[in-house]
PDB file of N, CA and C in Angstrom:
ATOM      1  N   UNK A   1     -23.363  -2.098  -2.035  1.00  0.00           N
ATOM      2  CA  UNK A   1     -23.781  -3.323  -1.797  1.00  0.00           C
ATOM      3  C   UNK A   1     -22.521  -3.901  -0.852  1.00  0.00           C
ATOM      4  N   UNK A   2     -22.934  -4.248   0.206  1.00  0.00           N
ATOM      5  CA  UNK A   2     -22.016  -4.831   1.321  1.00  0.00           C
ATOM      6  C   UNK A   2     -21.483  -6.250   0.934  1.00  0.00           C
ATOM      7  N   UNK A   3     -20.579  -6.480   1.767  1.00  0.00           N
ATOM      8  CA  UNK A   3     -19.835  -7.582   1.263  1.00  0.00           C
ATOM      9  C   UNK A   3     -20.650  -8.643   1.931  1.00  0.00           C
ATOM     10  N   UNK A   4     -20.535  -9.805   1.325  1.00  0.00           N
ATOM     11  CA  UNK A   4     -20.945 -11.125   1.950  1.00  0.00           C
ATOM     12  C   UNK A   4     -20.317 -11.971   2.662  1.00  0.00           C
ATOM     13  N   UNK A   5     -19.086 -11.935   2.884  1.00  0.00           N
ATOM     14  CA  UNK A   5     -18.156 -12.758   3.511  1.00  0.00           C
ATOM     15  C   UNK A   5     -16.890 -11.707   4.097  1.00  0.00           C
ATOM     16  N   UNK A   6     -16.137 -12.275   5.046  1.00  0.00           N
ATOM     17  CA  UNK A   6     -15.399 -11.595   5.929  1.00  0.00           C
ATOM     18  C   UNK A   6     -14.157 -11.309   4.781  1.00  0.00           C
ATOM     19  N   UNK A   7     -14.024 -12.608   4.050  1.00  0.00           N
ATOM     20  CA  UNK A   7     -12.584 -12.177   3.164  1.00  0.00           C
ATOM     21  C   UNK A   7     -13.094 -11.421   1.858  1.00  0.00           C
ATOM     22  N   UNK A   8     -14.465 -10.927   1.693  1.00  0.00           N
ATOM     23  CA  UNK A   8     -14.463  -9.862   0.534  1.00  0.00           C
ATOM     24  C   UNK A   8     -14.201  -8.521   1.325  1.00  0.00           C
ATOM     25  N   UNK A   9     -14.778  -8.599   2.815  1.00  0.00           N
ATOM     26  CA  UNK A   9     -14.355  -6.941   3.368  1.00  0.00           C
ATOM     27  C   UNK A   9     -12.799  -7.049   3.324  1.00  0.00           C
ATOM     28  N   UNK A  10     -12.201  -7.858   3.561  1.00  0.00           N
ATOM     29  CA  UNK A  10     -10.593  -7.932   3.959  1.00  0.00           C
ATOM     30  C   UNK A  10      -9.903  -7.556   2.608  1.00  0.00           C
ATOM     31  N   UNK A  11     -10.551  -8.118   1.395  1.00  0.00           N
ATOM     32  CA  UNK A  11     -10.209  -7.867   0.271  1.00  0.00           C
ATOM     33  C   UNK A  11     -10.546  -6.334  -0.201  1.00  0.00           C
ATOM     34  N   UNK A  12     -11.468  -5.677  -0.026  1.00  0.00           N
ATOM     35  CA  UNK A  12     -12.047  -4.683  -0.584  1.00  0.00           C
ATOM     36  C   UNK A  12     -11.259  -3.607   0.390  1.00  0.00           C
ATOM     37  N   UNK A  13     -11.087  -4.044   1.695  1.00  0.00           N
ATOM     38  CA  UNK A  13     -10.183  -2.944   2.476  1.00  0.00           C
ATOM     39  C   UNK A  13      -8.959  -2.823   1.977  1.00  0.00           C
ATOM     40  N   UNK A  14      -8.130  -3.759   1.758  1.00  0.00           N
ATOM     41  CA  UNK A  14      -6.890  -3.671   1.077  1.00  0.00           C
ATOM     42  C   UNK A  14      -6.828  -2.967  -0.178  1.00  0.00           C
ATOM     43  N   UNK A  15      -7.751  -3.361  -1.198  1.00  0.00           N
ATOM     44  CA  UNK A  15      -7.698  -2.305  -2.416  1.00  0.00           C
ATOM     45  C   UNK A  15      -8.094  -0.853  -2.034  1.00  0.00           C
ATOM     46  N   UNK A  16      -9.050  -0.700  -0.967  1.00  0.00           N
ATOM     47  CA  UNK A  16      -9.268   0.621  -0.839  1.00  0.00           C
ATOM     48  C   UNK A  16      -8.144   1.362  -0.118  1.00  0.00           C
ATOM     49  N   UNK A  17      -7.309   0.912   0.595  1.00  0.00           N
ATOM     50  CA  UNK A  17      -5.984   1.512   1.071  1.00  0.00           C
ATOM     51  C   UNK A  17      -5.021   1.774  -0.074  1.00  0.00           C
ATOM     52  N   UNK A  18      -4.877   0.753  -0.957  1.00  0.00           N
ATOM     53  CA  UNK A  18      -4.207   0.888  -2.151  1.00  0.00           C
ATOM     54  C   UNK A  18      -4.572   1.878  -3.195  1.00  0.00           C
ATOM     55  N   UNK A  19      -5.969   2.161  -3.399  1.00  0.00           N
ATOM     56  CA  UNK A  19      -6.645   3.073  -3.978  1.00  0.00           C
ATOM     57  C   UNK A  19      -6.167   4.761  -3.385  1.00  0.00           C
ATOM     58  N   UNK A  20      -6.340   4.553  -1.791  1.00  0.00           N
ATOM     59  CA  UNK A  20      -6.073   5.976  -1.272  1.00  0.00           C
ATOM     60  C   UNK A  20      -4.470   6.126  -1.334  1.00  0.00           C
ATOM     61  N   UNK A  21      -3.727   5.408  -1.658  1.00  0.00           N
ATOM     62  CA  UNK A  21      -2.206   5.584  -1.439  1.00  0.00           C
ATOM     63  C   UNK A  21      -1.642   4.932   0.088  1.00  0.00           C
ATOM     64  N   UNK A  22      -2.357   4.589   0.776  1.00  0.00           N
ATOM     65  CA  UNK A  22      -1.935   4.182   2.014  1.00  0.00           C
ATOM     66  C   UNK A  22      -1.059   3.159   2.034  1.00  0.00           C
ATOM     67  N   UNK A  23      -1.285   1.990   0.790  1.00  0.00           N
ATOM     68  CA  UNK A  23      -0.225   0.931   0.796  1.00  0.00           C
ATOM     69  C   UNK A  23       0.047   0.985  -0.933  1.00  0.00           C
ATOM     70  N   UNK A  24       0.876   0.238  -1.282  1.00  0.00           N
ATOM     71  CA  UNK A  24       1.458   0.260  -2.528  1.00  0.00           C
ATOM     72  C   UNK A  24       0.495  -0.848  -3.226  1.00  0.00           C
ATOM     73  N   UNK A  25       0.219  -0.624  -4.428  1.00  0.00           N
ATOM     74  CA  UNK A  25      -0.926  -1.340  -5.361  1.00  0.00           C
ATOM     75  C   UNK A  25       0.066  -2.692  -5.553  1.00  0.00           C
ATOM     76  N   UNK A  26       1.541  -2.781  -5.400  1.00  0.00           N
ATOM     77  CA  UNK A  26       2.239  -3.868  -6.082  1.00  0.00           C
ATOM     78  C   UNK A  26       2.001  -4.863  -5.044  1.00  0.00           C
ATOM     79  N   UNK A  27       1.545  -4.585  -3.640  1.00  0.00           N
ATOM     80  CA  UNK A  27       1.408  -5.247  -2.601  1.00  0.00           C
ATOM     81  C   UNK A  27       0.259  -6.196  -2.590  1.00  0.00           C
ATOM     82  N   UNK A  28      -0.584  -5.679  -3.571  1.00  0.00           N
ATOM     83  CA  UNK A  28      -2.124  -6.498  -3.688  1.00  0.00           C
ATOM     84  C   UNK A  28      -1.682  -7.773  -4.333  1.00  0.00           C
ATOM     85  N   UNK A  29      -2.798  -8.677  -3.847  1.00  0.00           N
ATOM     86  CA  UNK A  29      -2.809 -10.120  -4.987  1.00  0.00           C
ATOM     87  C   UNK A  29      -4.299 -10.543  -4.793  1.00  0.00           C
ATOM     88  N   UNK A  30      -4.313 -11.277  -5.705  1.00  0.00           N
ATOM     89  CA  UNK A  30      -5.703 -11.860  -6.217  1.00  0.00           C
ATOM     90  C   UNK A  30      -7.282 -10.824  -6.188  1.00  0.00           C
ATOM     91  N   UNK A  31      -8.053 -11.279  -5.499  1.00  0.00           N
ATOM     92  CA  UNK A  31      -9.166 -10.537  -5.569  1.00  0.00           C
ATOM     93  C   UNK A  31      -9.022  -8.870  -5.260  1.00  0.00           C
ATOM     94  N   UNK A  32      -8.056  -8.304  -4.471  1.00  0.00           N
ATOM     95  CA  UNK A  32      -8.172  -7.205  -3.962  1.00  0.00           C
ATOM     96  C   UNK A  32      -7.468  -6.577  -5.155  1.00  0.00           C
ATOM     97  N   UNK A  33      -6.556  -7.072  -5.793  1.00  0.00           N
ATOM     98  CA  UNK A  33      -5.979  -6.529  -7.192  1.00  0.00           C
ATOM     99  C   UNK A  33      -6.852  -6.078  -8.058  1.00  0.00           C
ATOM    100  N   UNK A  34      -7.791  -7.051  -8.570  1.00  0.00           N
ATOM    101  CA  UNK A  34      -8.871  -6.978  -9.590  1.00  0.00           C
ATOM    102  C   UNK A  34      -9.537  -5.358  -8.883  1.00  0.00           C
ATOM    103  N   UNK A  35     -10.183  -5.698  -7.893  1.00  0.00           N
ATOM    104  CA  UNK A  35     -11.081  -4.891  -7.483  1.00  0.00           C
ATOM    105  C   UNK A  35     -10.778  -3.804  -7.041  1.00  0.00           C
ATOM    106  N   UNK A  36      -9.465  -3.082  -6.974  1.00  0.00           N
ATOM    107  CA  UNK A  36      -8.778  -1.838  -6.973  1.00  0.00           C
ATOM    108  C   UNK A  36      -8.612  -1.514  -8.561  1.00  0.00           C
ATOM    109  N   UNK A  37      -8.760  -2.246  -9.561  1.00  0.00           N
ATOM    110  CA  UNK A  37      -8.783  -1.910 -10.862  1.00  0.00           C
ATOM    111  C   UNK A  37      -9.824  -1.251 -11.193  1.00  0.00           C
ATOM    112  N   UNK A  38     -11.110  -2.284 -10.735  1.00  0.00           N
ATOM    113  CA  UNK A  38     -12.401  -2.164 -11.620  1.00  0.00           C
ATOM    114  C   UNK A  38     -13.710  -1.387 -10.658  1.00  0.00           C
ATOM    115  N   UNK A  39     -12.892  -0.970  -9.312  1.00  0.00           N
ATOM    116  CA  UNK A  39     -14.196  -0.503  -8.581  1.00  0.00           C
ATOM    117  C   UNK A  39     -13.803   0.875  -8.229  1.00  0.00           C
ATOM    118  N   UNK A  40     -14.777   1.769  -7.925  1.00  0.00           N
ATOM    119  CA  UNK A  40     -14.400   3.163  -7.515  1.00  0.00           C
ATOM    120  C   UNK A  40     -14.183   2.992  -6.103  1.00  0.00           C
ATOM    121  N   UNK A  41     -13.800   4.370  -5.386  1.00  0.00           N
ATOM    122  CA  UNK A  41     -13.088   4.192  -3.956  1.00  0.00           C
ATOM    123  C   UNK A  41     -14.600   4.302  -3.164  1.00  0.00           C
ATOM    124  N   UNK A  42     -15.629   4.800  -3.690  1.00  0.00           N
ATOM    125  CA  UNK A  42     -17.045   4.677  -3.023  1.00  0.00           C
ATOM    126  C   UNK A  42     -17.308   3.268  -3.064  1.00  0.00           C
ATOM    127  N   UNK A  43     -17.601   2.596  -3.696  1.00  0.00           N
ATOM    128  CA  UNK A  43     -17.994   1.107  -3.959  1.00  0.00           C
ATOM    129  C   UNK A  43     -17.237   0.392  -3.061  1.00  0.00           C
ATOM    130  N   UNK A  44     -15.645   0.800  -3.157  1.00  0.00           N
ATOM    131  CA  UNK A  44     -15.043  -0.137  -2.055  1.00  0.00           C
ATOM    132  C   UNK A  44     -15.164   0.089  -0.706  1.00  0.00           C
ATOM    133  N   UNK A  45     -15.406   1.403  -0.349  1.00  0.00           N
ATOM    134  CA  UNK A  45     -15.539   1.720   1.020  1.00  0.00           C
ATOM    135  C   UNK A  45     -17.289   1.231   1.329  1.00  0.00           C
ATOM    136  N   UNK A  46     -18.055   0.991   0.670  1.00  0.00           N
ATOM    137  CA  UNK A  46     -19.414   0.445   0.881  1.00  0.00           C
ATOM    138  C   UNK A  46     -19.239  -1.414   1.190  1.00  0.00           C
ATOM    139  N   UNK A  47     -18.437  -1.576   0.208  1.00  0.00           N
ATOM    140  CA  UNK A  47     -18.158  -3.209   0.624  1.00  0.00           C
ATOM    141  C   UNK A  47     -17.275  -3.431   1.402  1.00  0.00           C
ATOM    142  N   UNK A  48     -16.376  -2.514   1.830  1.00  0.00           N
ATOM    143  CA  UNK A  48     -15.414  -3.078   3.333  1.00  0.00           C
ATOM    144  C   UNK A  48     -16.187  -2.725   4.656  1.00  0.00           C
ATOM    145  N   UNK A  49     -17.115  -1.900   4.426  1.00  0.00           N
ATOM    146  CA  UNK A  49     -17.590  -1.584   5.867  1.00  0.00           C
ATOM    147  C   UNK A  49     -18.844  -2.414   6.177  1.00  0.00           C
ATOM    148  N   UNK A  50     -18.730  -2.437   7.400  1.00  0.00           N
ATOM    149  CA  UNK A  50     -19.996  -3.203   8.090  1.00  0.00           C
ATOM    150  C   UNK A  50     -19.531  -4.356   9.041  1.00  0.00           C
ATOM    151  N   UNK A  51     -20.635  -4.987   9.698  1.00  0.00           N
ATOM    152  CA  UNK A  51     -19.929  -5.893  10.913  1.00  0.00           C
ATOM    153  C   UNK A  51     -19.402  -7.078  10.130  1.00  0.00           C
ATOM    154  N   UNK A  52     -18.473  -7.499  10.887  1.00  0.00           N
ATOM    155  CA  UNK A  52     -18.100  -9.112  10.712  1.00  0.00           C
ATOM    156  C   UNK A  52     -18.906 -10.110  11.402  1.00  0.00           C
ATOM    157  N   UNK A  53     -19.652  -9.478  12.382  1.00  0.00           N
ATOM    158  CA  UNK A  53     -20.515 -10.601  12.892  1.00  0.00           C
ATOM    159  C   UNK A  53     -21.605 -11.308  12.310  1.00  0.00           C
ATOM    160  N   UNK A  54     -21.543 -12.635  12.080  1.00  0.00           N
ATOM    161  CA  UNK A  54     -22.571 -13.467  11.439  1.00  0.00           C
ATOM    162  C   UNK A  54     -22.356 -13.546   9.917  1.00  0.00           C
ATOM    163  N   UNK A  55     -20.827 -12.982   9.561  1.00  0.00           N
ATOM    164  CA  UNK A  55     -20.736 -13.155   8.017  1.00  0.00           C
ATOM    165  C   UNK A  55     -20.065 -14.552   8.269  1.00  0.00           C
ATOM    166  N   UNK A  56     -20.081 -15.551   6.730  1.00  0.00           N
ATOM    167  CA  UNK A  56     -18.921 -16.482   6.858  1.00  0.00           C
ATOM    168  C   UNK A  56     -17.681 -15.970   6.566  1.00  0.00           C
ATOM    169  N   UNK A  57     -16.745 -17.005   6.829  1.00  0.00           N
ATOM    170  CA  UNK A  57     -15.463 -16.437   6.164  1.00  0.00           C
ATOM    171  C   UNK A  57     -15.112 -16.569   4.744  1.00  0.00           C
ATOM    172  N   UNK A  58     -15.925 -17.276   3.965  1.00  0.00           N
ATOM    173  CA  UNK A  58     -15.910 -17.423   2.499  1.00  0.00           C
ATOM    174  C   UNK A  58     -17.142 -17.543   1.788  1.00  0.00           C
ATOM    175  N   UNK A  59     -17.205 -17.308   0.764  1.00  0.00           N
ATOM    176  CA  UNK A  59     -18.504 -17.569   0.216  1.00  0.00           C
ATOM    177  C   UNK A  59     -17.963 -18.203  -1.540  1.00  0.00           C
ATOM    178  N   UNK A  60     -18.548 -19.236  -1.843  1.00  0.00           N
ATOM    179  CA  UNK A  60     -18.164 -19.636  -3.271  1.00  0.00           C
ATOM    180  C   UNK A  60     -18.979 -19.264  -4.016  1.00  0.00           C
TER     181      UNK A  60
END
């Protein structure tokens, strides 16, 4: 399932980087911290990939 906003993509990308060990888990905040705990690497990759064009900055 792809992200519905740019903010979701950004959070998923940060969580994916932490899950892969490319950044420290302690650097995560908010949604990305929860995503890292609850989603698999495959789910995060699917959420983080895709085009930014046409997506809103945030979704309520």
